[in-house]
């Protein structure tokens, strides 16, 4: 028996490509481990934010997990660059994960195109659920756009 067309399966979610960008290697490892445990395997992990834009363009991730406070190029600069590189009408969500709990940081990130925001230290179950929700929304958006 097949699932109705409006249902997103776990396999469809787990097949999505996720780009993780955080200058702290321990944070990248934590997110990678969490995602692998959840069944995701198409993961791109970066600790150098200067490599992020090229990876975003070349790898075309379905979801980006982004730290805000990084050296050389911060998450705000990357959000602006991602927005410029995203085709009109495309939905490539960014989930910001940051230790900056300032309401201004949250508002600025959301204004620059982030679709969700989680403060560090974060609850791993909550982050896994938010990732799943964003990917499900993206799949449903793609289906809607394909209908014309």
Protein backbone atom coordinates (compact mmCIF):
# COMPACT_ATOMS: atom_id res chain seq x y z
CA UNK A 1 0.00 0.00 0.00
CA UNK A 2 1.40 3.40 -0.93
CA UNK A 3 1.08 6.56 1.12
CA UNK A 4 -1.26 9.31 -0.08
CA UNK A 5 0.44 12.00 -2.19
CA UNK A 6 0.25 14.58 0.58
CA UNK A 7 2.15 12.40 3.06
CA UNK A 8 5.91 12.76 3.41
CA UNK A 9 7.65 9.53 4.36
CA UNK A 10 10.60 9.19 6.70
CA UNK A 11 12.68 7.89 3.78
CA UNK A 12 11.92 11.03 1.78
CA UNK A 13 13.00 13.21 4.70
CA UNK A 14 16.17 11.21 5.36
CA UNK A 15 17.27 11.42 1.72
CA UNK A 16 17.60 15.22 1.87
CA UNK A 17 21.00 16.96 1.77
CA UNK A 18 21.89 19.02 4.85
CA UNK A 19 24.70 21.57 5.09
CA UNK A 20 26.06 22.16 8.61
CA UNK A 21 28.13 25.33 9.16
CA UNK A 22 29.68 26.05 12.56
CA UNK A 23 33.22 27.13 13.38
CA UNK A 24 33.24 24.92 16.48
CA UNK A 25 34.19 21.39 15.47
CA UNK A 26 32.46 19.94 18.56
CA UNK A 27 29.14 21.50 17.49
CA UNK A 28 29.49 20.13 13.95
CA UNK A 29 30.27 16.67 15.33
CA UNK A 30 27.27 16.82 17.67
CA UNK A 31 24.90 17.78 14.83
CA UNK A 32 26.41 15.20 12.46
CA UNK A 33 26.05 12.46 15.08
CA UNK A 34 22.47 13.50 15.84
CA UNK A 35 21.51 13.51 12.16
CA UNK A 36 23.20 10.19 11.40
CA UNK A 37 21.41 8.62 14.37
CA UNK A 38 18.13 9.93 12.91
CA UNK A 39 18.96 8.26 9.58
CA UNK A 40 20.27 11.19 7.53
CA UNK A 41 23.31 10.36 5.44
CA UNK A 42 23.74 13.18 2.90
CA UNK A 43 25.54 15.60 5.21
CA UNK A 44 28.05 18.31 4.36
CA UNK A 45 29.94 19.57 7.41
CA UNK A 46 31.97 22.78 7.41
CA UNK A 47 33.92 24.54 10.14
CA UNK A 48 35.25 27.26 7.82
CA UNK A 49 32.52 29.79 6.99
CA UNK A 50 34.56 31.02 4.01
CA UNK A 51 33.80 27.71 2.27
CA UNK A 52 30.07 27.90 2.97
CA UNK A 53 28.83 29.94 0.02
CA UNK A 54 30.64 27.81 -2.54
CA UNK A 55 29.28 24.66 -0.91
CA UNK A 56 25.77 26.16 -0.81
CA UNK A 57 25.91 26.89 -4.55
CA UNK A 58 27.60 23.66 -5.67
CA UNK A 59 25.95 21.15 -3.33
CA UNK A 60 22.45 22.70 -3.36
CA UNK A 61 21.50 21.54 0.13
CA UNK A 62 17.84 21.13 1.01
CA UNK A 63 18.47 22.57 4.50
CA UNK A 64 21.24 24.62 6.11
CA UNK A 65 22.09 24.50 9.81
CA UNK A 66 23.95 27.74 10.50
CA UNK A 67 25.81 29.26 13.42
CA UNK A 68 25.74 33.07 13.60
CA UNK A 69 28.90 33.91 15.53
CA UNK A 70 31.89 32.81 13.42
CA UNK A 71 35.21 34.44 12.50
CA UNK A 72 35.96 35.92 9.07
CA UNK A 73 32.37 35.62 7.84
CA UNK A 74 29.45 35.52 10.26
CA UNK A 75 26.10 33.87 9.83
CA UNK A 76 24.39 37.14 8.92
CA UNK A 77 26.73 37.63 5.97
CA UNK A 78 26.08 34.06 4.89
CA UNK A 79 22.31 34.51 5.14
CA UNK A 80 22.56 37.52 2.83
CA UNK A 81 24.78 35.61 0.40
CA UNK A 82 22.48 32.56 0.42
CA UNK A 83 19.49 34.77 -0.34
CA UNK A 84 21.29 36.24 -3.37
CA UNK A 85 22.15 32.75 -4.62
CA UNK A 86 18.70 31.22 -4.18
CA UNK A 87 16.51 31.19 -7.24
CA UNK A 88 13.27 33.12 -6.99
CA UNK A 89 10.48 30.83 -5.87
CA UNK A 90 12.84 28.27 -4.32
CA UNK A 91 12.49 27.22 -0.69
CA UNK A 92 15.87 26.36 0.85
CA UNK A 93 15.36 26.79 4.59
CA UNK A 94 18.04 27.84 7.04
CA UNK A 95 17.85 26.84 10.70
CA UNK A 96 20.01 29.12 12.83
CA UNK A 97 21.66 27.53 15.87
CA UNK A 98 23.42 30.12 18.00
CA UNK A 99 24.52 30.99 21.52
CA UNK A 100 23.41 34.59 20.92
CA UNK A 101 20.09 34.79 22.75
CA UNK A 102 19.63 38.51 22.10
CA UNK A 103 16.19 39.26 20.59
CA UNK A 104 17.93 41.52 18.08
CA UNK A 105 19.99 38.60 16.79
CA UNK A 106 16.87 36.48 16.39
CA UNK A 107 15.00 39.23 14.56
CA UNK A 108 17.95 40.05 12.30
CA UNK A 109 18.48 36.38 11.35
CA UNK A 110 14.78 35.91 10.59
CA UNK A 111 14.67 39.16 8.60
CA UNK A 112 17.61 37.93 6.51
CA UNK A 113 15.78 34.75 5.57
CA UNK A 114 16.33 32.21 8.34
CA UNK A 115 13.22 30.06 8.69
CA UNK A 116 13.80 28.96 12.28
CA UNK A 117 16.03 29.83 15.22
CA UNK A 118 17.30 27.71 18.12
CA UNK A 119 19.47 28.94 20.99
CA UNK A 120 22.50 26.99 22.19
CA UNK A 121 22.77 24.93 24.19
CA UNK A 122 19.91 23.21 22.45
CA UNK A 123 17.76 20.19 23.12
CA UNK A 124 18.74 17.56 20.53
CA UNK A 125 15.24 16.12 20.28
CA UNK A 126 13.80 19.58 19.60
CA UNK A 127 16.44 20.27 16.93
CA UNK A 128 15.73 16.91 15.26
CA UNK A 129 12.01 17.73 15.18
CA UNK A 130 12.61 21.21 13.78
CA UNK A 131 14.84 19.76 11.06
CA UNK A 132 12.20 17.20 10.16
CA UNK A 133 9.48 19.88 10.08
CA UNK A 134 11.50 22.17 7.81
CA UNK A 135 12.32 19.34 5.42
CA UNK A 136 8.69 18.21 5.34
CA UNK A 137 7.61 21.77 4.54
CA UNK A 138 10.19 21.93 1.78
CA UNK A 139 9.04 18.66 0.19
CA UNK A 140 5.40 19.77 0.29
CA UNK A 141 6.39 23.16 -1.20
CA UNK A 142 8.22 21.41 -4.04
CA UNK A 143 5.15 19.26 -4.73
CA UNK A 144 2.94 22.34 -4.80
CA UNK A 145 5.28 24.13 -7.21
CA UNK A 146 5.43 21.05 -9.46
CA UNK A 147 1.63 21.16 -9.84
CA UNK A 148 2.04 24.48 -11.53
